[in-house]
N, C-alpha and C. Protein backbone atom coordinates (compact mmCIF):
# COMPACT_ATOMS: atom_id res chain seq x y z
N MET A 1 154.71 38.77 219.10
CA MET A 1 153.68 39.19 220.04
C MET A 1 153.09 40.52 219.58
N LYS A 2 151.89 40.76 220.04
CA LYS A 2 151.18 41.98 219.65
C LYS A 2 151.20 42.98 220.80
N LEU A 3 151.49 44.23 220.47
CA LEU A 3 151.45 45.29 221.47
C LEU A 3 150.00 45.54 221.86
N THR A 4 149.74 45.54 223.16
CA THR A 4 148.41 45.82 223.69
C THR A 4 148.47 47.04 224.59
N LYS A 5 147.33 47.61 224.85
CA LYS A 5 147.24 48.75 225.76
C LYS A 5 147.76 48.36 227.14
N GLU A 6 147.41 47.16 227.59
CA GLU A 6 147.83 46.71 228.92
C GLU A 6 149.34 46.58 229.00
N TYR A 7 149.95 46.03 227.96
CA TYR A 7 151.41 45.88 227.95
C TYR A 7 152.06 47.27 227.99
N PHE A 8 151.57 48.18 227.16
CA PHE A 8 152.16 49.51 227.10
C PHE A 8 151.98 50.26 228.42
N GLU A 9 150.82 50.13 229.05
CA GLU A 9 150.61 50.75 230.36
C GLU A 9 151.59 50.21 231.39
N ASP A 10 151.82 48.90 231.38
CA ASP A 10 152.79 48.30 232.30
C ASP A 10 154.20 48.79 232.00
N TRP A 11 154.53 48.89 230.71
CA TRP A 11 155.84 49.38 230.29
C TRP A 11 156.05 50.81 230.79
N LEU A 12 155.05 51.66 230.60
CA LEU A 12 155.13 53.04 231.07
C LEU A 12 155.25 53.11 232.59
N GLY A 13 154.50 52.27 233.28
CA GLY A 13 154.56 52.25 234.74
C GLY A 13 155.95 51.87 235.24
N GLY A 14 156.56 50.90 234.58
CA GLY A 14 157.92 50.50 234.95
C GLY A 14 158.93 51.59 234.66
N LEU A 15 158.78 52.24 233.51
CA LEU A 15 159.69 53.33 233.16
C LEU A 15 159.53 54.48 234.15
N ARG A 16 158.31 54.78 234.53
CA ARG A 16 158.05 55.83 235.52
C ARG A 16 158.75 55.50 236.84
N GLN A 17 158.62 54.26 237.28
CA GLN A 17 159.23 53.88 238.55
C GLN A 17 160.76 53.94 238.46
N THR A 18 161.31 53.55 237.32
CA THR A 18 162.75 53.64 237.11
C THR A 18 163.21 55.09 237.24
N TRP A 19 162.43 56.01 236.68
CA TRP A 19 162.74 57.44 236.77
C TRP A 19 162.64 57.91 238.23
N LEU A 20 161.55 57.55 238.91
CA LEU A 20 161.38 57.96 240.30
C LEU A 20 162.51 57.41 241.19
N ASP A 21 162.95 56.20 240.90
CA ASP A 21 164.03 55.58 241.67
C ASP A 21 165.41 56.10 241.26
N LYS A 22 165.44 56.88 240.18
CA LYS A 22 166.70 57.41 239.63
C LYS A 22 167.67 56.27 239.33
N ASP A 23 167.13 55.21 238.74
CA ASP A 23 167.85 53.96 238.51
C ASP A 23 168.34 53.87 237.07
N LEU A 24 169.51 54.40 236.82
CA LEU A 24 170.07 54.36 235.46
C LEU A 24 170.28 52.94 234.97
N ASN A 25 170.65 52.02 235.87
CA ASN A 25 170.83 50.61 235.46
C ASN A 25 169.51 49.99 235.04
N GLY A 26 168.40 50.46 235.61
CA GLY A 26 167.09 49.93 235.27
C GLY A 26 166.64 50.26 233.86
N LEU A 27 167.30 51.23 233.23
CA LEU A 27 166.94 51.59 231.86
C LEU A 27 167.19 50.45 230.87
N LYS A 28 168.07 49.54 231.24
CA LYS A 28 168.38 48.40 230.36
C LYS A 28 167.12 47.61 230.02
N LYS A 29 166.22 47.48 230.99
CA LYS A 29 164.98 46.73 230.77
C LYS A 29 164.13 47.36 229.67
N TYR A 30 164.23 48.66 229.49
CA TYR A 30 163.37 49.38 228.55
C TYR A 30 164.04 49.74 227.24
N PHE A 31 165.36 49.88 227.25
CA PHE A 31 166.04 50.40 226.07
C PHE A 31 167.23 49.56 225.60
N SER A 32 167.30 48.31 225.96
CA SER A 32 168.46 47.49 225.57
C SER A 32 168.51 47.23 224.07
N ARG A 33 167.40 47.33 223.37
CA ARG A 33 167.35 47.08 221.92
C ARG A 33 167.11 48.36 221.11
N ILE A 34 167.25 49.49 221.76
CA ILE A 34 166.94 50.76 221.10
C ILE A 34 167.79 50.98 219.86
N GLU A 35 167.18 51.48 218.81
CA GLU A 35 167.88 51.82 217.57
C GLU A 35 167.93 53.33 217.36
N ASN A 36 166.85 54.01 217.78
CA ASN A 36 166.78 55.46 217.69
C ASN A 36 166.04 56.00 218.91
N TYR A 37 166.72 56.86 219.66
CA TYR A 37 166.13 57.47 220.84
C TYR A 37 166.23 58.98 220.67
N TYR A 38 165.09 59.61 220.45
CA TYR A 38 165.04 61.05 220.21
C TYR A 38 164.63 61.78 221.49
N GLU A 39 165.59 62.37 222.16
CA GLU A 39 165.31 63.20 223.33
C GLU A 39 164.58 64.47 222.88
N SER A 40 164.86 64.90 221.66
CA SER A 40 164.25 66.08 221.05
C SER A 40 164.22 65.86 219.54
N PRO A 41 163.21 66.39 218.87
CA PRO A 41 163.18 66.22 217.41
C PRO A 41 164.30 67.00 216.71
N PHE A 42 164.97 67.88 217.44
CA PHE A 42 166.00 68.72 216.84
C PHE A 42 167.43 68.29 217.17
N LYS A 43 167.56 67.22 217.91
CA LYS A 43 168.89 66.72 218.29
C LYS A 43 169.15 65.38 217.62
N ARG A 44 170.44 65.06 217.50
CA ARG A 44 170.84 63.76 216.96
C ARG A 44 170.31 62.66 217.89
N PRO A 45 169.73 61.61 217.32
CA PRO A 45 169.17 60.56 218.17
C PRO A 45 170.27 59.70 218.80
N GLY A 46 169.96 59.17 219.98
CA GLY A 46 170.80 58.15 220.58
C GLY A 46 170.61 56.86 219.79
N LYS A 47 171.64 56.06 219.73
CA LYS A 47 171.61 54.84 218.91
C LYS A 47 171.74 53.56 219.72
N ASN A 48 171.97 53.69 221.03
CA ASN A 48 172.16 52.49 221.85
C ASN A 48 171.88 52.82 223.31
N LEU A 49 171.92 51.81 224.15
CA LEU A 49 171.62 51.98 225.57
C LEU A 49 172.56 52.99 226.21
N GLY A 50 173.83 52.97 225.85
CA GLY A 50 174.78 53.92 226.41
C GLY A 50 174.39 55.36 226.15
N ASP A 51 173.90 55.62 224.93
CA ASP A 51 173.43 56.97 224.59
C ASP A 51 172.22 57.36 225.45
N VAL A 52 171.31 56.42 225.64
CA VAL A 52 170.11 56.69 226.44
C VAL A 52 170.51 57.03 227.88
N VAL A 53 171.42 56.25 228.44
CA VAL A 53 171.87 56.50 229.80
C VAL A 53 172.48 57.91 229.90
N GLU A 54 173.23 58.32 228.90
CA GLU A 54 173.81 59.68 228.90
C GLU A 54 172.70 60.72 228.96
N PHE A 55 171.63 60.54 228.16
CA PHE A 55 170.51 61.48 228.19
C PHE A 55 169.86 61.53 229.58
N TRP A 56 169.78 60.37 230.22
CA TRP A 56 169.05 60.23 231.48
C TRP A 56 169.87 60.59 232.71
N LYS A 57 171.15 60.84 232.58
CA LYS A 57 171.98 61.13 233.77
C LYS A 57 171.45 62.30 234.58
N GLU A 58 170.74 63.20 233.93
CA GLU A 58 170.20 64.37 234.63
C GLU A 58 169.20 64.01 235.72
N ILE A 59 168.61 62.80 235.67
CA ILE A 59 167.62 62.44 236.69
C ILE A 59 168.23 62.35 238.08
N LYS A 60 169.52 62.11 238.16
CA LYS A 60 170.19 61.98 239.46
C LYS A 60 170.07 63.26 240.29
N ASN A 61 169.95 64.42 239.63
CA ASN A 61 169.89 65.70 240.35
C ASN A 61 168.49 66.29 240.42
N GLN A 62 167.50 65.56 239.94
CA GLN A 62 166.14 66.09 239.94
C GLN A 62 165.49 65.91 241.31
N GLU A 63 164.82 66.96 241.75
CA GLU A 63 163.98 66.87 242.95
C GLU A 63 162.54 66.75 242.45
N ILE A 64 162.13 65.53 242.23
CA ILE A 64 160.85 65.25 241.56
C ILE A 64 159.68 65.64 242.46
N ILE A 65 158.81 66.46 241.89
CA ILE A 65 157.59 66.88 242.58
C ILE A 65 156.41 66.05 242.07
N LYS A 66 156.36 65.85 240.76
CA LYS A 66 155.25 65.09 240.16
C LYS A 66 155.73 64.45 238.88
N LEU A 67 155.31 63.22 238.65
CA LEU A 67 155.62 62.50 237.42
C LEU A 67 154.45 61.61 237.05
N GLU A 68 153.87 61.86 235.89
CA GLU A 68 152.73 61.07 235.41
C GLU A 68 153.01 60.61 233.99
N MET A 69 152.57 59.41 233.67
CA MET A 69 152.63 58.87 232.32
C MET A 69 151.34 58.12 232.06
N ASP A 70 150.64 58.48 230.99
CA ASP A 70 149.36 57.86 230.69
C ASP A 70 149.31 57.43 229.23
N CYS A 71 148.85 56.22 228.99
CA CYS A 71 148.66 55.72 227.64
C CYS A 71 147.54 56.50 226.97
N VAL A 72 147.83 56.99 225.77
CA VAL A 72 146.83 57.70 224.98
C VAL A 72 146.26 56.78 223.91
N ALA A 73 147.16 56.01 223.27
CA ALA A 73 146.72 55.14 222.18
C ALA A 73 147.77 54.07 221.91
N VAL A 74 147.30 52.97 221.35
CA VAL A 74 148.17 51.89 220.86
C VAL A 74 147.65 51.53 219.48
N ASP A 75 148.55 51.51 218.50
CA ASP A 75 148.18 51.13 217.14
C ASP A 75 149.30 50.29 216.57
N LYS A 76 148.98 49.04 216.24
CA LYS A 76 149.97 48.09 215.74
C LYS A 76 151.12 47.98 216.73
N ASN A 77 152.31 48.42 216.36
CA ASN A 77 153.46 48.27 217.25
C ASN A 77 153.93 49.60 217.84
N ILE A 78 153.03 50.59 217.88
CA ILE A 78 153.38 51.91 218.39
C ILE A 78 152.44 52.30 219.53
N GLY A 79 153.04 52.78 220.62
CA GLY A 79 152.28 53.31 221.74
C GLY A 79 152.50 54.80 221.85
N ILE A 80 151.45 55.52 222.18
CA ILE A 80 151.51 56.97 222.38
C ILE A 80 151.13 57.25 223.83
N ALA A 81 151.93 58.08 224.48
CA ALA A 81 151.67 58.41 225.88
C ALA A 81 151.76 59.91 226.10
N HIS A 82 150.96 60.39 227.04
CA HIS A 82 151.08 61.75 227.53
C HIS A 82 151.85 61.67 228.85
N TRP A 83 152.78 62.59 229.05
CA TRP A 83 153.52 62.61 230.31
C TRP A 83 153.60 64.03 230.85
N PHE A 84 153.72 64.13 232.17
CA PHE A 84 153.87 65.41 232.85
C PHE A 84 154.90 65.22 233.94
N PHE A 85 155.79 66.20 234.05
CA PHE A 85 156.87 66.13 235.02
C PHE A 85 157.08 67.51 235.63
N ALA A 86 157.22 67.56 236.94
CA ALA A 86 157.56 68.80 237.63
C ALA A 86 158.68 68.51 238.62
N ASP A 87 159.65 69.41 238.62
CA ASP A 87 160.74 69.32 239.60
C ASP A 87 161.16 70.73 239.99
N ASN A 88 162.29 70.83 240.67
CA ASN A 88 162.77 72.12 241.15
C ASN A 88 163.12 73.09 240.01
N SER A 89 163.23 72.61 238.79
CA SER A 89 163.59 73.50 237.67
C SER A 89 162.39 73.96 236.84
N GLY A 90 161.23 73.33 237.02
CA GLY A 90 160.06 73.74 236.25
C GLY A 90 159.09 72.61 235.99
N GLU A 91 158.18 72.85 235.05
CA GLU A 91 157.17 71.88 234.66
C GLU A 91 157.32 71.55 233.19
N TYR A 92 157.10 70.28 232.85
CA TYR A 92 157.26 69.79 231.49
C TYR A 92 156.05 68.95 231.14
N ASP A 93 155.49 69.19 229.97
CA ASP A 93 154.30 68.48 229.51
C ASP A 93 154.61 67.95 228.12
N GLY A 94 154.43 66.65 227.90
CA GLY A 94 154.84 66.13 226.62
C GLY A 94 154.15 64.86 226.17
N ILE A 95 154.64 64.39 225.03
CA ILE A 95 154.14 63.18 224.37
C ILE A 95 155.31 62.25 224.08
N TYR A 96 155.09 60.97 224.30
CA TYR A 96 156.03 59.93 223.87
C TYR A 96 155.40 59.16 222.72
N GLN A 97 156.21 58.82 221.74
CA GLN A 97 155.83 57.86 220.70
C GLN A 97 156.85 56.74 220.80
N VAL A 98 156.38 55.54 221.11
CA VAL A 98 157.27 54.41 221.38
C VAL A 98 156.97 53.28 220.40
N LYS A 99 157.97 52.89 219.64
CA LYS A 99 157.82 51.81 218.66
C LYS A 99 158.49 50.54 219.20
N PHE A 100 157.77 49.42 219.08
CA PHE A 100 158.25 48.14 219.58
C PHE A 100 158.47 47.17 218.41
N ASN A 101 159.40 46.24 218.59
CA ASN A 101 159.59 45.18 217.60
C ASN A 101 158.62 44.04 217.90
N ASP A 102 158.72 42.94 217.16
CA ASP A 102 157.81 41.81 217.33
C ASP A 102 157.97 41.11 218.68
N ASP A 103 159.12 41.31 219.34
CA ASP A 103 159.35 40.74 220.67
C ASP A 103 158.97 41.71 221.78
N LEU A 104 158.37 42.83 221.40
CA LEU A 104 157.94 43.89 222.31
C LEU A 104 159.10 44.57 223.03
N ASP A 105 160.22 44.68 222.32
CA ASP A 105 161.35 45.48 222.78
C ASP A 105 161.20 46.86 222.16
N CYS A 106 161.45 47.90 222.93
CA CYS A 106 161.41 49.26 222.40
C CYS A 106 162.59 49.44 221.46
N ILE A 107 162.29 49.82 220.22
CA ILE A 107 163.36 50.04 219.24
C ILE A 107 163.44 51.50 218.80
N GLU A 108 162.38 52.26 219.05
CA GLU A 108 162.43 53.68 218.72
C GLU A 108 161.61 54.44 219.75
N PHE A 109 162.18 55.53 220.23
CA PHE A 109 161.55 56.35 221.25
C PHE A 109 161.67 57.81 220.82
N ARG A 110 160.53 58.49 220.75
CA ARG A 110 160.52 59.91 220.39
C ARG A 110 159.74 60.67 221.45
N GLN A 111 160.27 61.85 221.78
CA GLN A 111 159.57 62.67 222.75
C GLN A 111 159.49 64.11 222.27
N TRP A 112 158.37 64.71 222.58
CA TRP A 112 158.16 66.14 222.34
C TRP A 112 157.66 66.70 223.65
N CYS A 113 158.16 67.87 224.03
CA CYS A 113 157.66 68.46 225.27
C CYS A 113 157.69 69.98 225.22
N VAL A 114 156.87 70.55 226.08
CA VAL A 114 156.78 71.99 226.26
C VAL A 114 157.13 72.27 227.71
N THR A 115 157.90 73.32 227.92
CA THR A 115 158.32 73.69 229.26
C THR A 115 157.55 74.92 229.71
N LYS A 116 157.10 74.89 230.93
CA LYS A 116 156.39 76.05 231.49
C LYS A 116 157.38 76.97 232.18
């Protein structure tokens, strides 16, 4: 299958809702086939769903004020998104680069962000 803007927008919308719901089990839908998950370009990447869940455990304590995710571009099997997040600890503005396989499973996830 081919990655489309519509598919990526739906994928981002689902991931956003999973975050808002603080649903760690829901991450399976998005990262069950992950091979490399980069929470930061300077940290060792997660290699499987268990690693991703460990990165995401912090959402349980977040008092979410605002969360936005918007598709910026889709090229071949890669989607680029801009995201913004604000909670009780501050504001975060960043970019996601998401690579999908031929079955449209996320296999690589990279994020860069700036904290205010």
